[in-house]
């Protein structure tokens, strides 16, 4: 019973749509109304406000980190911590406040991994940054880092509950980027900073 309570609480924390909250607080358009329509950091960046994008990134990562950190602080069993990790991540992806249409979960997953094991989280972030800087494709960075995360988690944490949680998040992340994978293969994916990534352009 308590495991269900922890899972629901983590899900509700993960459901907080920082992209929408920050945009409204700063007087910016709803990120679901322009660009890719995704309520996440990359799309908020298309509004032209780097501060809003940064706040969205920090908020989304922080909620993932906080939920798992609290579970660890409460000394919950490893299985319960893994459930909390997946629940807060799924809360972001399927936000109850956005009619279950949330973001793709990249920043929240990073926060979760940093809380599970800072070495894994840092390694995944470095991989993401490297791919993004070299290619200027945010989606490619997310996909590559999602594929790398389970490998890093396995070597650092073994084949336990945390590894399973990482595997689940990675699978969902790749699935959420299905459309981006198609665009990348067709050469149609927008690069970060490209002029066509304006608020008027769908993507």
Protein backbone atom coordinates (compact mmCIF):
# COMPACT_ATOMS: atom_id res chain seq x y z
CA UNK A 1 0.00 0.00 0.00
CA UNK A 2 2.76 2.44 0.92
CA UNK A 3 4.55 1.66 -2.33
CA UNK A 4 1.46 2.83 -4.21
CA UNK A 5 1.42 6.04 -2.16
CA UNK A 6 5.08 6.70 -2.96
CA UNK A 7 4.48 6.01 -6.65
CA UNK A 8 1.47 8.33 -6.87
CA UNK A 9 3.28 11.09 -4.98
CA UNK A 10 6.30 10.79 -7.27
CA UNK A 11 4.05 10.79 -10.33
CA UNK A 12 2.33 14.00 -9.20
CA UNK A 13 5.69 15.69 -8.60
CA UNK A 14 6.84 14.61 -12.04
CA UNK A 15 3.62 15.93 -13.57
CA UNK A 16 4.46 19.54 -12.71
CA UNK A 17 4.85 21.08 -16.21
CA UNK A 18 7.67 23.54 -15.64
CA UNK A 19 7.79 24.50 -19.33
CA UNK A 20 4.21 25.74 -19.14
CA UNK A 21 4.51 27.21 -15.64
CA UNK A 22 7.70 29.14 -16.44
CA UNK A 23 6.36 30.37 -19.77
CA UNK A 24 3.18 31.69 -18.20
CA UNK A 25 5.07 33.30 -15.32
CA UNK A 26 7.35 35.10 -17.79
CA UNK A 27 4.53 36.17 -20.09
CA UNK A 28 5.60 33.87 -22.92
CA UNK A 29 3.31 31.81 -25.18
CA UNK A 30 2.40 28.30 -24.13
CA UNK A 31 5.19 26.05 -25.51
CA UNK A 32 2.54 23.63 -26.75
CA UNK A 33 1.38 26.29 -29.22
CA UNK A 34 4.57 26.65 -31.28
CA UNK A 35 7.61 24.82 -32.59
CA UNK A 36 7.40 21.09 -31.94
CA UNK A 37 4.56 21.59 -29.47
CA UNK A 38 6.57 19.73 -26.85
CA UNK A 39 6.49 21.23 -23.33
CA UNK A 40 10.22 20.90 -22.78
CA UNK A 41 13.46 22.86 -22.64
CA UNK A 42 14.37 22.74 -26.33
CA UNK A 43 10.98 24.01 -27.43
CA UNK A 44 10.91 26.76 -24.79
CA UNK A 45 14.28 27.86 -26.19
CA UNK A 46 12.49 28.51 -29.48
CA UNK A 47 10.56 31.30 -27.73
CA UNK A 48 13.82 33.24 -27.75
CA UNK A 49 14.14 33.30 -23.96
CA UNK A 50 17.23 31.47 -22.78
CA UNK A 51 16.34 32.25 -19.18
CA UNK A 52 12.96 30.55 -19.56
CA UNK A 53 14.62 27.55 -21.18
CA UNK A 54 17.20 27.34 -18.38
CA UNK A 55 14.53 27.57 -15.68
CA UNK A 56 12.56 24.84 -17.44
CA UNK A 57 15.64 22.63 -17.63
CA UNK A 58 16.46 23.14 -13.95
CA UNK A 59 12.87 22.59 -12.86
CA UNK A 60 12.38 19.41 -14.85
CA UNK A 61 15.70 17.97 -13.69
CA UNK A 62 15.14 19.05 -10.08
CA UNK A 63 11.81 17.27 -9.73
CA UNK A 64 13.36 14.01 -10.91
CA UNK A 65 16.31 14.44 -8.58
CA UNK A 66 14.20 15.45 -5.59
CA UNK A 67 11.79 12.52 -5.78
CA UNK A 68 14.58 9.95 -5.90
CA UNK A 69 16.72 11.79 -3.34
CA UNK A 70 13.79 11.82 -0.92
CA UNK A 71 13.18 8.10 -1.45
CA UNK A 72 16.83 7.41 -0.70
CA UNK A 73 16.78 9.80 2.27
CA UNK A 74 13.80 7.91 3.69
CA UNK A 75 15.83 4.73 3.24
CA UNK A 76 13.18 3.03 1.14
CA UNK A 77 14.02 -0.40 -0.26
CA UNK A 78 15.87 -0.46 -3.57
CA UNK A 79 12.75 -1.70 -5.35
CA UNK A 80 10.69 1.20 -3.97
CA UNK A 81 13.36 3.71 -5.03
CA UNK A 82 13.24 2.27 -8.55
CA UNK A 83 9.44 2.59 -8.62
CA UNK A 84 9.70 6.21 -7.49
CA UNK A 85 12.30 6.87 -10.20
CA UNK A 86 10.09 5.52 -12.95
CA UNK A 87 6.95 7.16 -11.53
CA UNK A 88 8.40 10.68 -11.41
CA UNK A 89 9.74 10.23 -14.95
CA UNK A 90 6.38 8.98 -16.27
CA UNK A 91 4.70 11.88 -14.48
CA UNK A 92 6.62 14.24 -16.73
CA UNK A 93 5.95 12.25 -19.90
CA UNK A 94 2.25 11.72 -19.13
CA UNK A 95 1.42 14.78 -17.04
CA UNK A 96 -2.02 14.66 -15.46
CA UNK A 97 -2.10 18.48 -15.59
CA UNK A 98 -1.61 18.43 -19.38
CA UNK A 99 -4.20 15.72 -20.08
CA UNK A 100 -1.45 13.11 -20.04
CA UNK A 101 0.48 14.80 -22.84
CA UNK A 102 3.77 15.88 -21.29
CA UNK A 103 7.37 16.31 -22.38
CA UNK A 104 9.84 13.74 -23.62
CA UNK A 105 11.55 13.34 -20.26
CA UNK A 106 15.20 14.04 -21.03
CA UNK A 107 15.87 16.53 -18.22
CA UNK A 108 13.77 14.63 -15.69
CA UNK A 109 15.59 11.39 -16.50
CA UNK A 110 18.91 13.19 -16.02
CA UNK A 111 17.78 14.38 -12.59
CA UNK A 112 16.70 10.86 -11.66
CA UNK A 113 20.05 9.41 -12.71
CA UNK A 114 21.99 12.06 -10.79
CA UNK A 115 20.09 11.07 -7.66
CA UNK A 116 20.48 7.32 -8.23
CA UNK A 117 24.23 7.65 -8.80
CA UNK A 118 25.89 10.95 -9.63
CA UNK A 119 28.55 9.17 -11.69
CA UNK A 120 25.94 7.67 -13.99
CA UNK A 121 24.03 10.94 -14.24
CA UNK A 122 27.16 12.94 -15.00
CA UNK A 123 28.36 10.45 -17.61
CA UNK A 124 25.00 10.53 -19.38
CA UNK A 125 24.92 14.34 -19.33
CA UNK A 126 28.45 14.49 -20.78
CA UNK A 127 27.41 12.15 -23.59
CA UNK A 128 24.33 14.25 -24.29
CA UNK A 129 26.29 17.51 -24.30
CA UNK A 130 29.01 16.08 -26.53
CA UNK A 131 26.56 14.85 -29.15
CA UNK A 132 24.55 18.08 -29.07
CA UNK A 133 27.61 20.33 -29.34
CA UNK A 134 29.03 18.32 -32.23
CA UNK A 135 25.80 17.72 -34.15
CA UNK A 136 23.57 20.57 -32.89
CA UNK A 137 20.73 18.05 -32.78
CA UNK A 138 19.09 18.01 -29.34
CA UNK A 139 17.09 14.93 -30.27
CA UNK A 140 20.17 12.99 -31.37
CA UNK A 141 21.85 13.80 -28.06
CA UNK A 142 18.80 12.53 -26.21
CA UNK A 143 18.63 9.30 -28.21
CA UNK A 144 22.34 8.50 -27.89
CA UNK A 145 22.41 9.29 -24.17
CA UNK A 146 19.27 7.20 -23.64
CA UNK A 147 20.99 4.22 -25.27
CA UNK A 148 24.12 4.85 -23.21
CA UNK A 149 22.37 5.22 -19.85
CA UNK A 150 21.55 1.52 -19.22
CA UNK A 151 25.13 0.56 -20.03
CA UNK A 152 26.48 3.11 -17.55
CA UNK A 153 23.92 2.08 -14.93
CA UNK A 154 24.77 -1.60 -15.32
CA UNK A 155 28.49 -1.06 -14.84
CA UNK A 156 28.03 1.33 -11.91
CA UNK A 157 25.06 -0.24 -10.13
CA UNK A 158 24.81 -3.81 -11.38
CA UNK A 159 21.70 -5.55 -12.68
CA UNK A 160 19.48 -4.44 -9.81
CA UNK A 161 16.29 -2.35 -9.50
CA UNK A 162 18.07 0.91 -10.41
CA UNK A 163 19.30 -0.65 -13.65
CA UNK A 164 15.79 -1.85 -14.48
CA UNK A 165 14.41 1.65 -13.81
CA UNK A 166 17.07 3.14 -16.09
CA UNK A 167 16.24 0.61 -18.79
CA UNK A 168 12.54 1.50 -18.62
CA UNK A 169 13.24 5.24 -18.82
CA UNK A 170 15.61 4.74 -21.74
CA UNK A 171 13.06 2.69 -23.66
CA UNK A 172 10.38 5.34 -23.14
CA UNK A 173 12.80 8.11 -24.13
CA UNK A 174 13.66 6.43 -27.42
CA UNK A 175 9.97 5.75 -28.07
CA UNK A 176 9.12 9.42 -27.37
CA UNK A 177 11.70 10.42 -29.97
CA UNK A 178 10.24 8.15 -32.66
CA UNK A 179 9.20 11.11 -34.83
CA UNK A 180 12.62 12.73 -34.37
CA UNK A 181 14.35 9.53 -35.46
CA UNK A 182 12.34 9.61 -38.68
CA UNK A 183 13.26 13.25 -39.27
CA UNK A 184 16.93 12.55 -38.60
CA UNK A 185 16.93 9.70 -41.12
CA UNK A 186 15.24 11.93 -43.71
CA UNK A 187 17.52 14.89 -42.98
CA UNK A 188 14.57 17.02 -41.87
CA UNK A 189 15.35 17.43 -38.17
CA UNK A 190 15.88 21.00 -36.97
CA UNK A 191 19.24 21.90 -35.47
CA UNK A 192 19.54 24.00 -32.33
CA UNK A 193 19.79 27.64 -33.31
CA UNK A 194 18.57 27.11 -36.87
CA UNK A 195 16.57 30.02 -38.24
CA UNK A 196 13.64 27.80 -39.12
CA UNK A 197 13.19 26.98 -35.44
CA UNK A 198 11.06 30.07 -34.98
CA UNK A 199 7.87 30.15 -32.97
CA UNK A 200 5.80 30.26 -36.14
CA UNK A 201 7.22 27.06 -37.58
CA UNK A 202 5.80 23.69 -36.64
CA UNK A 203 8.31 20.92 -36.05
